[in-house]
Amino acid sequence: MKGSFAGALVAAIVLALGPPAPAQSLGDVFRKVTPSVVVVRAKGREVSNMGVTRFSEIGSGVMISADGKVMTAAHVVNAMDEITVEAIGGEQVSARVTASEPAADLSLLQLEKVPASLQVGKMADSSSVRVGDQVMVIGAPYGLAHSMSVGWISARWPPNTVYKNMPLAEFFQTTATINTGNSGGPMFNLAGEVIGIVSHNISKSGGSEGLGFVVTINTARKLLLEKPSFWSGIDGTMLTGNLAAIFNVPESPAFLVKTVAKGSAAWDMGLLGGDTIATIGGQQIAVGGDIILSVEGIPIGSDDNVDKIRNNLATKPPGTPFKTRVLRAGKIIELVGKTP
């Protein structure tokens, strides 16, 4: 009798609450979020044995504000001369880098204008993501725009553990397929919220069967929005030890400039990049460019000093002059730039 009463009570409660809401299918989530995803196309210059040559890079991104801010991967846009963002439907607009943190493979773009087809991606709190959660990645693998792959979170890695060249990044490891062109694209949870920005995959063959790594959105929010990282617009090589001695730099470490992005603060101040490749100690290095010794009186010195320089410049109002000492053709000169 008690069992019959309990069963009737449960049935009455279920009827009162009504039928359960249908769960979103993967297709529903994809259609909901894909208008926030963009294709990022960038053009830059590379220094090779042939001299300075042009090359193109393709990646993905996600718009995170109505005024046209787009998160992407730093390696797609850093030190690039031209950046174009393509929205769903094919409309293309110019973009520029406003913040960048290569130590976490993250960059923030500002669109010249916001295409009508674009929508804002909602950012989640990635601290709640757990190993075993199902996730979706949307991007442009090999240029195939708005392609979806699905997988699971297979591990979570604190900063400065899995990838030493990106010590500031907290990573999700995922089984979702990641290929060339996915970099910078968003990873979504099944609620359609952005939980990470795709960085890279590690693969012995270069294919997608390797391990995929995605920077958590909490890392991206902190480094690009809460405390924006200064974008230098330069790429190059740190000169320490034997390299510093070979280049006869008066202060070690120093930074040998390889390329300078057009339109960056470094470009506007007249900083010069390299023009040829030399093999030194078995390592190919772009040479012929300026060697940066100090910025605003702070010697390049170490990674801590580089962070100090970037943090110092990031806090200055736009248009603030700053001085850079460089070694050029054996002479120390001073260049003056302005913060963007």
C-alpha atoms as a PDB file:
ATOM      1  CA  MET A   1       0.000   0.000   0.000  1.00  0.00           C
ATOM      2  CA  LYS A   2       2.848   2.338   0.922  1.00  0.00           C
ATOM      3  CA  GLY A   3       4.537   1.595  -2.400  1.00  0.00           C
ATOM      4  CA  SER A   4       1.378   2.415  -4.349  1.00  0.00           C
ATOM      5  CA  PHE A   5       0.992   5.706  -2.478  1.00  0.00           C
ATOM      6  CA  ALA A   6       4.641   6.678  -3.105  1.00  0.00           C
ATOM      7  CA  GLY A   7       4.340   5.859  -6.794  1.00  0.00           C
ATOM      8  CA  ALA A   8       1.184   7.916  -7.131  1.00  0.00           C
ATOM      9  CA  LEU A   9       2.875  10.829  -5.341  1.00  0.00           C
ATOM     10  CA  VAL A  10       5.870  10.760  -7.712  1.00  0.00           C
ATOM     11  CA  ALA A  11       3.567  10.601 -10.724  1.00  0.00           C
ATOM     12  CA  ALA A  12       1.592  13.605  -9.430  1.00  0.00           C
ATOM     13  CA  ILE A  13       4.792  15.634  -8.952  1.00  0.00           C
ATOM     14  CA  VAL A  14       6.019  14.804 -12.462  1.00  0.00           C
ATOM     15  CA  LEU A  15       2.673  15.845 -13.961  1.00  0.00           C
ATOM     16  CA  ALA A  16       2.727  19.083 -11.971  1.00  0.00           C
ATOM     17  CA  LEU A  17       6.226  19.956 -13.137  1.00  0.00           C
ATOM     18  CA  GLY A  18       5.424  19.144 -16.740  1.00  0.00           C
ATOM     19  CA  PRO A  19       7.591  17.237 -19.246  1.00  0.00           C
ATOM     20  CA  PRO A  20      11.384  17.716 -18.965  1.00  0.00           C
ATOM     21  CA  ALA A  21      12.920  20.338 -21.272  1.00  0.00           C
ATOM     22  CA  PRO A  22      14.542  18.704 -24.280  1.00  0.00           C
ATOM     23  CA  ALA A  23      18.363  18.702 -24.103  1.00  0.00           C
ATOM     24  CA  GLN A  24      20.224  20.704 -26.730  1.00  0.00           C
ATOM     25  CA  SER A  25      21.683  18.510 -29.424  1.00  0.00           C
ATOM     26  CA  LEU A  26      25.198  19.125 -30.721  1.00  0.00           C
ATOM     27  CA  GLY A  27      23.628  20.544 -33.860  1.00  0.00           C
ATOM     28  CA  ASP A  28      21.551  22.968 -31.807  1.00  0.00           C
ATOM     29  CA  VAL A  29      24.652  24.184 -29.973  1.00  0.00           C
ATOM     30  CA  PHE A  30      26.578  24.555 -33.237  1.00  0.00           C
ATOM     31  CA  ARG A  31      23.848  26.623 -34.882  1.00  0.00           C
ATOM     32  CA  LYS A  32      23.534  28.775 -31.763  1.00  0.00           C
ATOM     33  CA  VAL A  33      27.216  29.677 -31.436  1.00  0.00           C
ATOM     34  CA  THR A  34      28.732  29.555 -34.927  1.00  0.00           C
ATOM     35  CA  PRO A  35      27.851  33.218 -35.742  1.00  0.00           C
ATOM     36  CA  SER A  36      30.384  34.248 -33.055  1.00  0.00           C
ATOM     37  CA  VAL A  37      33.237  32.391 -34.799  1.00  0.00           C
ATOM     38  CA  VAL A  38      35.478  34.057 -37.401  1.00  0.00           C
ATOM     39  CA  VAL A  39      38.248  33.080 -39.791  1.00  0.00           C
ATOM     40  CA  VAL A  40      41.468  35.056 -39.263  1.00  0.00           C
ATOM     41  CA  ARG A  41      43.754  35.614 -42.248  1.00  0.00           C
ATOM     42  CA  ALA A  42      47.104  37.333 -41.757  1.00  0.00           C
ATOM     43  CA  LYS A  43      49.987  38.346 -44.018  1.00  0.00           C
ATOM     44  CA  GLY A  44      53.530  38.930 -42.849  1.00  0.00           C
ATOM     45  CA  ARG A  45      57.198  38.802 -43.768  1.00  0.00           C
ATOM     46  CA  GLU A  46      59.665  35.981 -43.179  1.00  0.00           C
ATOM     47  CA  VAL A  47      63.450  36.123 -43.311  1.00  0.00           C
ATOM     48  CA  SER A  48      64.999  33.240 -45.238  1.00  0.00           C
ATOM     49  CA  ASN A  49      68.052  32.365 -47.299  1.00  0.00           C
ATOM     50  CA  MET A  50      66.262  34.143 -50.149  1.00  0.00           C
ATOM     51  CA  GLY A  51      66.055  37.356 -48.123  1.00  0.00           C
ATOM     52  CA  VAL A  52      62.764  38.814 -46.915  1.00  0.00           C
ATOM     53  CA  THR A  53      59.731  37.004 -48.333  1.00  0.00           C
ATOM     54  CA  ARG A  54      55.959  37.314 -47.848  1.00  0.00           C
ATOM     55  CA  PHE A  55      53.817  34.575 -46.312  1.00  0.00           C
ATOM     56  CA  SER A  56      50.244  34.031 -45.153  1.00  0.00           C
ATOM     57  CA  GLU A  57      48.772  32.518 -42.003  1.00  0.00           C
ATOM     58  CA  ILE A  58      45.236  31.289 -41.373  1.00  0.00           C
ATOM     59  CA  GLY A  59      43.517  30.737 -38.065  1.00  0.00           C
ATOM     60  CA  SER A  60      40.253  31.258 -36.260  1.00  0.00           C
ATOM     61  CA  GLY A  61      38.834  33.497 -33.552  1.00  0.00           C
ATOM     62  CA  VAL A  62      35.757  34.383 -31.521  1.00  0.00           C
ATOM     63  CA  MET A  63      34.115  37.770 -30.998  1.00  0.00           C
ATOM     64  CA  ILE A  64      33.696  38.496 -27.293  1.00  0.00           C
ATOM     65  CA  SER A  65      32.242  42.037 -27.276  1.00  0.00           C
ATOM     66  CA  ALA A  66      29.659  43.966 -29.283  1.00  0.00           C
ATOM     67  CA  ASP A  67      32.230  46.610 -30.244  1.00  0.00           C
ATOM     68  CA  GLY A  68      34.265  44.051 -32.219  1.00  0.00           C
ATOM     69  CA  LYS A  69      36.904  42.583 -29.915  1.00  0.00           C
ATOM     70  CA  VAL A  70      38.077  39.166 -31.119  1.00  0.00           C
ATOM     71  CA  MET A  71      40.213  36.651 -29.243  1.00  0.00           C
ATOM     72  CA  THR A  72      42.628  34.512 -31.243  1.00  0.00           C
ATOM     73  CA  ALA A  73      46.018  32.788 -30.970  1.00  0.00           C
ATOM     74  CA  ALA A  74      49.134  34.977 -30.821  1.00  0.00           C
ATOM     75  CA  HIS A  75      51.096  32.806 -33.244  1.00  0.00           C
ATOM     76  CA  VAL A  76      48.498  33.531 -35.960  1.00  0.00           C
ATOM     77  CA  VAL A  77      48.742  37.342 -35.810  1.00  0.00           C
ATOM     78  CA  ASN A  78      51.830  38.406 -33.857  1.00  0.00           C
ATOM     79  CA  ALA A  79      54.256  40.535 -35.919  1.00  0.00           C
ATOM     80  CA  MET A  80      51.970  40.308 -38.980  1.00  0.00           C
ATOM     81  CA  ASP A  81      51.515  43.253 -41.345  1.00  0.00           C
ATOM     82  CA  GLU A  82      47.898  42.734 -42.429  1.00  0.00           C
ATOM     83  CA  ILE A  83      45.016  41.021 -40.627  1.00  0.00           C
ATOM     84  CA  THR A  84      41.593  40.298 -42.091  1.00  0.00           C
ATOM     85  CA  VAL A  85      38.676  38.711 -40.249  1.00  0.00           C
ATOM     86  CA  GLU A  86      35.957  36.834 -42.130  1.00  0.00           C
ATOM     87  CA  ALA A  87      32.496  36.494 -40.575  1.00  0.00           C
ATOM     88  CA  ILE A  88      29.900  33.815 -41.271  1.00  0.00           C
ATOM     89  CA  GLY A  89      28.428  34.631 -44.668  1.00  0.00           C
ATOM     90  CA  GLY A  90      31.820  35.691 -46.039  1.00  0.00           C
ATOM     91  CA  GLU A  91      32.010  39.407 -45.154  1.00  0.00           C
ATOM     92  CA  GLN A  92      35.628  40.440 -44.531  1.00  0.00           C
ATOM     93  CA  VAL A  93      36.857  43.353 -42.413  1.00  0.00           C
ATOM     94  CA  SER A  94      40.292  44.606 -41.405  1.00  0.00           C
ATOM     95  CA  ALA A  95      41.528  44.116 -37.856  1.00  0.00           C
ATOM     96  CA  ARG A  96      44.468  45.190 -35.720  1.00  0.00           C
ATOM     97  CA  VAL A  97      46.141  43.722 -32.643  1.00  0.00           C
ATOM     98  CA  THR A  98      45.440  45.646 -29.437  1.00  0.00           C
ATOM     99  CA  ALA A  99      46.893  43.222 -26.866  1.00  0.00           C
ATOM    100  CA  SER A 100      49.067  40.137 -27.119  1.00  0.00           C
ATOM    101  CA  GLU A 101      50.650  37.612 -24.768  1.00  0.00           C
ATOM    102  CA  PRO A 102      52.869  35.132 -26.665  1.00  0.00           C
ATOM    103  CA  ALA A 103      53.712  33.426 -23.350  1.00  0.00           C
ATOM    104  CA  ALA A 104      50.115  32.159 -23.369  1.00  0.00           C
ATOM    105  CA  ASP A 105      49.611  32.168 -27.168  1.00  0.00           C
ATOM    106  CA  LEU A 106      46.821  34.754 -26.926  1.00  0.00           C
ATOM    107  CA  SER A 107      46.033  37.942 -28.838  1.00  0.00           C
ATOM    108  CA  LEU A 108      43.147  40.407 -28.881  1.00  0.00           C
ATOM    109  CA  LEU A 109      42.018  41.980 -32.149  1.00  0.00           C
ATOM    110  CA  GLN A 110      39.867  45.045 -32.745  1.00  0.00           C
ATOM    111  CA  LEU A 111      37.700  44.906 -35.848  1.00  0.00           C
ATOM    112  CA  GLU A 112      37.522  47.989 -38.065  1.00  0.00           C
ATOM    113  CA  LYS A 113      33.751  47.475 -38.129  1.00  0.00           C
ATOM    114  CA  VAL A 114      31.410  44.734 -36.924  1.00  0.00           C
ATOM    115  CA  PRO A 115      29.683  42.673 -39.653  1.00  0.00           C
ATOM    116  CA  ALA A 116      25.919  42.383 -39.129  1.00  0.00           C
ATOM    117  CA  SER A 117      26.117  38.576 -39.165  1.00  0.00           C
ATOM    118  CA  LEU A 118      28.487  38.414 -36.180  1.00  0.00           C
ATOM    119  CA  GLN A 119      27.259  37.834 -32.650  1.00  0.00           C
ATOM    120  CA  VAL A 120      29.021  37.919 -29.296  1.00  0.00           C
ATOM    121  CA  GLY A 121      30.233  34.638 -27.817  1.00  0.00           C
ATOM    122  CA  LYS A 122      29.350  34.213 -24.153  1.00  0.00           C
ATOM    123  CA  MET A 123      32.359  33.449 -21.958  1.00  0.00           C
ATOM    124  CA  ALA A 124      32.036  30.844 -19.202  1.00  0.00           C
ATOM    125  CA  ASP A 125      33.927  30.441 -15.948  1.00  0.00           C
ATOM    126  CA  SER A 126      36.396  27.777 -17.063  1.00  0.00           C
ATOM    127  CA  SER A 127      37.264  26.832 -13.478  1.00  0.00           C
ATOM    128  CA  SER A 128      34.080  24.737 -13.448  1.00  0.00           C
ATOM    129  CA  VAL A 129      35.173  22.591 -16.421  1.00  0.00           C
ATOM    130  CA  ARG A 130      36.084  19.016 -15.496  1.00  0.00           C
ATOM    131  CA  VAL A 131      37.947  16.163 -17.145  1.00  0.00           C
ATOM    132  CA  GLY A 132      35.361  14.083 -18.972  1.00  0.00           C
ATOM    133  CA  ASP A 133      33.184  17.055 -20.013  1.00  0.00           C
ATOM    134  CA  GLN A 134      32.091  16.944 -23.652  1.00  0.00           C
ATOM    135  CA  VAL A 135      33.176  19.952 -25.684  1.00  0.00           C
ATOM    136  CA  MET A 136      32.932  21.424 -29.178  1.00  0.00           C
ATOM    137  CA  VAL A 137      35.605  23.203 -31.234  1.00  0.00           C
ATOM    138  CA  ILE A 138      34.630  25.412 -34.185  1.00  0.00           C
ATOM    139  CA  GLY A 139      37.194  26.875 -36.548  1.00  0.00           C
ATOM    140  CA  ALA A 140      38.733  26.824 -40.011  1.00  0.00           C
ATOM    141  CA  PRO A 141      40.930  23.706 -40.298  1.00  0.00           C
ATOM    142  CA  TYR A 142      42.917  24.044 -43.529  1.00  0.00           C
ATOM    143  CA  GLY A 143      40.768  27.091 -44.321  1.00  0.00           C
ATOM    144  CA  LEU A 144      37.444  25.213 -44.217  1.00  0.00           C
ATOM    145  CA  ALA A 145      35.411  27.836 -42.377  1.00  0.00           C
ATOM    146  CA  HIS A 146      33.047  27.010 -39.507  1.00  0.00           C
ATOM    147  CA  SER A 147      33.958  23.352 -39.249  1.00  0.00           C
ATOM    148  CA  MET A 148      32.967  21.559 -36.050  1.00  0.00           C
ATOM    149  CA  SER A 149      34.752  18.845 -34.121  1.00  0.00           C
ATOM    150  CA  VAL A 150      33.585  17.255 -30.895  1.00  0.00           C
ATOM    151  CA  GLY A 151      35.471  15.533 -28.091  1.00  0.00           C
ATOM    152  CA  TRP A 152      36.109  15.520 -24.388  1.00  0.00           C
ATOM    153  CA  ILE A 153      38.363  17.264 -21.898  1.00  0.00           C
ATOM    154  CA  SER A 154      41.066  14.663 -21.318  1.00  0.00           C
ATOM    155  CA  ALA A 155      43.320  16.594 -18.905  1.00  0.00           C
ATOM    156  CA  ARG A 156      43.879  19.973 -17.329  1.00  0.00           C
ATOM    157  CA  TRP A 157      47.359  21.469 -16.993  1.00  0.00           C
ATOM    158  CA  PRO A 158      48.379  24.372 -14.714  1.00  0.00           C
ATOM    159  CA  PRO A 159      50.615  27.165 -16.090  1.00  0.00           C
ATOM    160  CA  ASN A 160      54.268  26.342 -16.775  1.00  0.00           C
ATOM    161  CA  THR A 161      53.810  22.571 -16.911  1.00  0.00           C
ATOM    162  CA  VAL A 162      52.937  21.106 -20.295  1.00  0.00           C
ATOM    163  CA  TYR A 163      54.496  23.603 -22.708  1.00  0.00           C
ATOM    164  CA  LYS A 164      57.542  25.536 -21.503  1.00  0.00           C
ATOM    165  CA  ASN A 165      57.403  28.138 -24.293  1.00  0.00           C
ATOM    166  CA  MET A 166      53.980  29.231 -23.016  1.00  0.00           C
ATOM    167  CA  PRO A 167      54.497  29.434 -19.233  1.00  0.00           C
ATOM    168  CA  LEU A 168      51.489  31.676 -18.541  1.00  0.00           C
ATOM    169  CA  ALA A 169      48.887  29.426 -20.145  1.00  0.00           C
ATOM    170  CA  GLU A 170      46.581  27.114 -18.248  1.00  0.00           C
ATOM    171  CA  PHE A 171      45.667  24.410 -20.761  1.00  0.00           C
ATOM    172  CA  PHE A 172      42.824  22.022 -21.399  1.00  0.00           C
ATOM    173  CA  GLN A 173      43.936  18.872 -23.193  1.00  0.00           C
ATOM    174  CA  THR A 174      41.213  17.600 -25.502  1.00  0.00           C
ATOM    175  CA  THR A 175      40.317  14.713 -27.800  1.00  0.00           C
ATOM    176  CA  ALA A 176      38.484  17.112 -30.166  1.00  0.00           C
ATOM    177  CA  THR A 177      40.233  17.189 -33.538  1.00  0.00           C
ATOM    178  CA  ILE A 178      42.527  20.187 -34.017  1.00  0.00           C
ATOM    179  CA  ASN A 179      44.264  20.942 -37.323  1.00  0.00           C
ATOM    180  CA  THR A 180      46.106  23.838 -38.955  1.00  0.00           C
ATOM    181  CA  GLY A 181      43.607  26.708 -39.116  1.00  0.00           C
ATOM    182  CA  ASN A 182      41.839  25.809 -35.852  1.00  0.00           C
ATOM    183  CA  SER A 183      44.357  27.884 -33.888  1.00  0.00           C
ATOM    184  CA  GLY A 184      42.684  30.806 -32.133  1.00  0.00           C
ATOM    185  CA  GLY A 185      39.207  29.358 -32.482  1.00  0.00           C
ATOM    186  CA  PRO A 186      36.852  28.861 -29.544  1.00  0.00           C
ATOM    187  CA  MET A 187      36.097  25.737 -27.550  1.00  0.00           C
ATOM    188  CA  PHE A 188      32.510  25.623 -26.288  1.00  0.00           C
ATOM    189  CA  ASN A 189      30.780  23.687 -23.544  1.00  0.00           C
ATOM    190  CA  LEU A 190      27.408  22.121 -24.318  1.00  0.00           C
ATOM    191  CA  ALA A 191      25.651  25.211 -22.980  1.00  0.00           C
ATOM    192  CA  GLY A 192      27.199  27.138 -25.891  1.00  0.00           C
ATOM    193  CA  GLU A 193      29.649  29.101 -23.725  1.00  0.00           C
ATOM    194  CA  VAL A 194      33.298  29.758 -24.635  1.00  0.00           C
ATOM    195  CA  ILE A 195      35.579  27.845 -22.265  1.00  0.00           C
ATOM    196  CA  GLY A 196      38.884  28.149 -24.146  1.00  0.00           C
ATOM    197  CA  ILE A 197      40.915  29.397 -27.113  1.00  0.00           C
ATOM    198  CA  VAL A 198      42.592  26.741 -29.276  1.00  0.00           C
ATOM    199  CA  SER A 199      46.385  26.912 -29.247  1.00  0.00           C
ATOM    200  CA  HIS A 200      48.013  23.907 -30.929  1.00  0.00           C
ATOM    201  CA  ASN A 201      48.335  20.165 -31.110  1.00  0.00           C
ATOM    202  CA  ILE A 202      51.393  18.028 -30.482  1.00  0.00           C
ATOM    203  CA  SER A 203      51.802  15.314 -33.105  1.00  0.00           C
ATOM    204  CA  LYS A 204      54.765  13.269 -34.293  1.00  0.00           C
ATOM    205  CA  SER A 205      53.444  13.216 -37.853  1.00  0.00           C
ATOM    206  CA  GLY A 206      51.988  16.727 -37.902  1.00  0.00           C
ATOM    207  CA  GLY A 207      48.474  15.314 -38.289  1.00  0.00           C
ATOM    208  CA  SER A 208      45.449  15.658 -36.047  1.00  0.00           C
ATOM    209  CA  GLU A 209      45.966  12.360 -34.222  1.00  0.00           C
ATOM    210  CA  GLY A 210      48.105  14.120 -31.627  1.00  0.00           C
ATOM    211  CA  LEU A 211      47.229  15.867 -28.386  1.00  0.00           C
ATOM    212  CA  GLY A 212      45.168  19.059 -28.644  1.00  0.00           C
ATOM    213  CA  PHE A 213      45.782  21.963 -26.263  1.00  0.00           C
ATOM    214  CA  VAL A 214      43.391  24.827 -25.562  1.00  0.00           C
ATOM    215  CA  VAL A 215      44.100  27.877 -23.373  1.00  0.00           C
ATOM    216  CA  THR A 216      41.386  28.305 -20.739  1.00  0.00           C
ATOM    217  CA  ILE A 217      39.086  31.281 -21.150  1.00  0.00           C
ATOM    218  CA  ASN A 218      39.882  32.410 -17.600  1.00  0.00           C
ATOM    219  CA  THR A 219      43.534  32.762 -18.681  1.00  0.00           C
ATOM    220  CA  ALA A 220      42.468  34.692 -21.790  1.00  0.00           C
ATOM    221  CA  ARG A 221      40.158  36.968 -19.813  1.00  0.00           C
ATOM    222  CA  LYS A 222      42.905  37.772 -17.300  1.00  0.00           C
ATOM    223  CA  LEU A 223      45.703  38.439 -19.816  1.00  0.00           C
ATOM    224  CA  LEU A 224      43.730  40.170 -22.570  1.00  0.00           C
ATOM    225  CA  LEU A 225      40.879  41.969 -20.794  1.00  0.00           C
ATOM    226  CA  GLU A 226      41.559  42.440 -17.085  1.00  0.00           C
ATOM    227  CA  LYS A 227      45.236  43.319 -17.485  1.00  0.00           C
ATOM    228  CA  PRO A 228      45.883  43.872 -21.206  1.00  0.00           C
ATOM    229  CA  SER A 229      49.332  42.798 -22.389  1.00  0.00           C
ATOM    230  CA  PHE A 230      51.350  45.273 -24.461  1.00  0.00           C
ATOM    231  CA  TRP A 231      51.694  44.298 -28.135  1.00  0.00           C
ATOM    232  CA  SER A 232      55.233  45.029 -29.305  1.00  0.00           C
ATOM    233  CA  GLY A 233      54.742  43.922 -32.913  1.00  0.00           C
ATOM    234  CA  ILE A 234      58.200  42.341 -33.032  1.00  0.00           C
ATOM    235  CA  ASP A 235      59.565  38.834 -33.333  1.00  0.00           C
ATOM    236  CA  GLY A 236      63.150  37.765 -32.806  1.00  0.00           C
ATOM    237  CA  THR A 237      65.779  35.965 -30.744  1.00  0.00           C
ATOM    238  CA  MET A 238      67.055  36.542 -27.232  1.00  0.00           C
ATOM    239  CA  LEU A 239      70.853  36.820 -27.266  1.00  0.00           C
ATOM    240  CA  THR A 240      72.448  35.193 -24.232  1.00  0.00           C
ATOM    241  CA  GLY A 241      75.704  33.366 -23.470  1.00  0.00           C
ATOM    242  CA  ASN A 242      77.636  32.400 -26.612  1.00  0.00           C
ATOM    243  CA  LEU A 243      75.176  34.158 -28.915  1.00  0.00           C
ATOM    244  CA  ALA A 244      75.620  37.423 -27.043  1.00  0.00           C
ATOM    245  CA  ALA A 245      79.401  37.050 -27.314  1.00  0.00           C
ATOM    246  CA  ILE A 246      79.237  36.272 -31.045  1.00  0.00           C
ATOM    247  CA  PHE A 247      77.135  39.386 -31.698  1.00  0.00           C
ATOM    248  CA  ASN A 248      79.434  41.399 -29.412  1.00  0.00           C
ATOM    249  CA  VAL A 249      76.572  43.045 -27.561  1.00  0.00           C
ATOM    250  CA  PRO A 250      77.648  45.509 -24.850  1.00  0.00           C
ATOM    251  CA  GLU A 251      74.853  44.347 -22.525  1.00  0.00           C
ATOM    252  CA  SER A 252      73.650  40.764 -22.187  1.00  0.00           C
ATOM    253  CA  PRO A 253      71.023  39.455 -22.611  1.00  0.00           C
ATOM    254  CA  ALA A 254      69.749  41.527 -25.531  1.00  0.00           C
ATOM    255  CA  PHE A 255      67.045  40.987 -28.149  1.00  0.00           C
ATOM    256  CA  LEU A 256      67.842  40.561 -31.868  1.00  0.00           C
ATOM    257  CA  VAL A 257      64.897  41.750 -33.964  1.00  0.00           C
ATOM    258  CA  LYS A 258      63.766  39.440 -36.756  1.00  0.00           C
ATOM    259  CA  THR A 259      60.569  41.110 -38.037  1.00  0.00           C
ATOM    260  CA  VAL A 260      58.542  44.210 -37.180  1.00  0.00           C
ATOM    261  CA  ALA A 261      54.802  44.428 -37.896  1.00  0.00           C
ATOM    262  CA  LYS A 262      53.645  47.375 -39.981  1.00  0.00           C
ATOM    263  CA  GLY A 263      51.566  49.794 -37.965  1.00  0.00           C
ATOM    264  CA  SER A 264      52.960  48.677 -34.615  1.00  0.00           C
ATOM    265  CA  ALA A 265      54.655  51.023 -32.134  1.00  0.00           C
ATOM    266  CA  ALA A 266      57.979  49.366 -33.000  1.00  0.00           C
ATOM    267  CA  TRP A 267      57.442  50.006 -36.730  1.00  0.00           C
ATOM    268  CA  ASP A 268      56.481  53.636 -36.185  1.00  0.00           C
ATOM    269  CA  MET A 269      59.631  54.307 -34.118  1.00  0.00           C
ATOM    270  CA  GLY A 270      61.804  52.958 -36.948  1.00  0.00           C
ATOM    271  CA  LEU A 271      62.965  49.654 -35.450  1.00  0.00           C
ATOM    272  CA  LEU A 272      64.567  47.481 -38.146  1.00  0.00           C
ATOM    273  CA  GLY A 273      64.198  43.738 -38.685  1.00  0.00           C
ATOM    274  CA  GLY A 274      66.615  41.245 -40.219  1.00  0.00           C
ATOM    275  CA  ASP A 275      67.277  40.688 -43.906  1.00  0.00           C
ATOM    276  CA  THR A 276      69.098  37.357 -44.169  1.00  0.00           C
ATOM    277  CA  ILE A 277      69.657  34.036 -42.396  1.00  0.00           C
ATOM    278  CA  ALA A 278      72.897  32.909 -40.769  1.00  0.00           C
ATOM    279  CA  THR A 279      73.641  29.500 -39.258  1.00  0.00           C
ATOM    280  CA  ILE A 280      75.299  29.950 -35.875  1.00  0.00           C
ATOM    281  CA  GLY A 281      76.105  26.929 -33.741  1.00  0.00           C
ATOM    282  CA  GLY A 282      73.748  24.833 -35.831  1.00  0.00           C
ATOM    283  CA  GLN A 283      70.889  27.306 -35.269  1.00  0.00           C
ATOM    284  CA  GLN A 284      69.401  29.382 -38.095  1.00  0.00           C
ATOM    285  CA  ILE A 285      69.024  33.006 -37.004  1.00  0.00           C
ATOM    286  CA  ALA A 286      67.705  36.045 -38.866  1.00  0.00           C
ATOM    287  CA  VAL A 287      70.449  38.666 -38.802  1.00  0.00           C
ATOM    288  CA  GLY A 288      70.848  42.273 -39.918  1.00  0.00           C
ATOM    289  CA  GLY A 289      68.197  43.699 -37.624  1.00  0.00           C
ATOM    290  CA  ASP A 290      68.462  45.984 -34.622  1.00  0.00           C
ATOM    291  CA  ILE A 291      69.510  44.568 -31.254  1.00  0.00           C
ATOM    292  CA  ILE A 292      67.400  45.975 -28.409  1.00  0.00           C
ATOM    293  CA  LEU A 293      69.418  46.723 -25.266  1.00  0.00           C
ATOM    294  CA  SER A 294      66.900  48.529 -23.056  1.00  0.00           C
ATOM    295  CA  VAL A 295      63.473  50.170 -23.052  1.00  0.00           C
ATOM    296  CA  GLU A 296      62.695  53.151 -20.820  1.00  0.00           C
ATOM    297  CA  GLY A 297      65.979  52.576 -19.028  1.00  0.00           C
ATOM    298  CA  ILE A 298      65.132  48.955 -18.173  1.00  0.00           C
ATOM    299  CA  PRO A 299      67.722  46.544 -19.631  1.00  0.00           C
ATOM    300  CA  ILE A 300      66.350  43.551 -21.536  1.00  0.00           C
ATOM    301  CA  GLY A 301      68.256  41.413 -19.036  1.00  0.00           C
ATOM    302  CA  SER A 302      65.875  38.533 -18.399  1.00  0.00           C
ATOM    303  CA  ASP A 303      62.313  37.315 -18.937  1.00  0.00           C
ATOM    304  CA  ASP A 304      61.374  39.134 -15.722  1.00  0.00           C
ATOM    305  CA  ASN A 305      62.731  42.378 -17.143  1.00  0.00           C
ATOM    306  CA  VAL A 306      60.892  41.848 -20.431  1.00  0.00           C
ATOM    307  CA  ASP A 307      57.652  41.387 -18.463  1.00  0.00           C
ATOM    308  CA  LYS A 308      58.470  44.525 -16.465  1.00  0.00           C
ATOM    309  CA  ILE A 309      58.998  46.513 -19.690  1.00  0.00           C
ATOM    310  CA  ARG A 310      55.737  45.287 -21.228  1.00  0.00           C
ATOM    311  CA  ASN A 311      53.761  45.918 -18.050  1.00  0.00           C
ATOM    312  CA  ASN A 312      55.248  49.408 -17.794  1.00  0.00           C
ATOM    313  CA  LEU A 313      54.278  50.291 -21.378  1.00  0.00           C
ATOM    314  CA  ALA A 314      50.810  48.732 -21.007  1.00  0.00           C
ATOM    315  CA  THR A 315      49.957  51.120 -18.164  1.00  0.00           C
ATOM    316  CA  LYS A 316      50.903  54.285 -20.059  1.00  0.00           C
ATOM    317  CA  PRO A 317      48.156  56.335 -21.785  1.00  0.00           C
ATOM    318  CA  PRO A 318      48.020  56.103 -25.605  1.00  0.00           C
ATOM    319  CA  GLY A 319      50.491  58.422 -27.295  1.00  0.00           C
ATOM    320  CA  THR A 320      52.958  58.456 -24.395  1.00  0.00           C
ATOM    321  CA  PRO A 321      56.583  58.710 -25.688  1.00  0.00           C
ATOM    322  CA  PHE A 322      59.039  55.993 -24.684  1.00  0.00           C
ATOM    323  CA  LYS A 323      62.732  55.477 -25.453  1.00  0.00           C
ATOM    324  CA  THR A 324      64.493  52.362 -26.746  1.00  0.00           C
ATOM    325  CA  ARG A 325      68.278  51.876 -26.904  1.00  0.00           C
ATOM    326  CA  VAL A 326      69.417  49.650 -29.751  1.00  0.00           C
ATOM    327  CA  LEU A 327      72.666  48.428 -31.266  1.00  0.00           C
ATOM    328  CA  ARG A 328      72.595  49.094 -35.013  1.00  0.00           C
ATOM    329  CA  ALA A 329      75.580  48.401 -37.284  1.00  0.00           C
ATOM    330  CA  GLY A 330      77.929  48.498 -34.309  1.00  0.00           C
ATOM    331  CA  LYS A 331      76.642  51.810 -32.910  1.00  0.00           C
ATOM    332  CA  ILE A 332      74.278  52.415 -29.997  1.00  0.00           C
ATOM    333  CA  ILE A 333      71.410  54.727 -30.943  1.00  0.00           C
ATOM    334  CA  GLU A 334      68.203  55.810 -29.225  1.00  0.00           C
ATOM    335  CA  LEU A 335      64.777  55.516 -30.852  1.00  0.00           C
ATOM    336  CA  VAL A 336      61.641  57.222 -29.585  1.00  0.00           C
ATOM    337  CA  GLY A 337      58.226  55.635 -29.963  1.00  0.00           C
ATOM    338  CA  LYS A 338      54.686  56.244 -28.726  1.00  0.00           C
ATOM    339  CA  THR A 339      52.389  53.807 -26.954  1.00  0.00           C
ATOM    340  CA  PRO A 340      49.424  52.740 -29.122  1.00  0.00           C
END
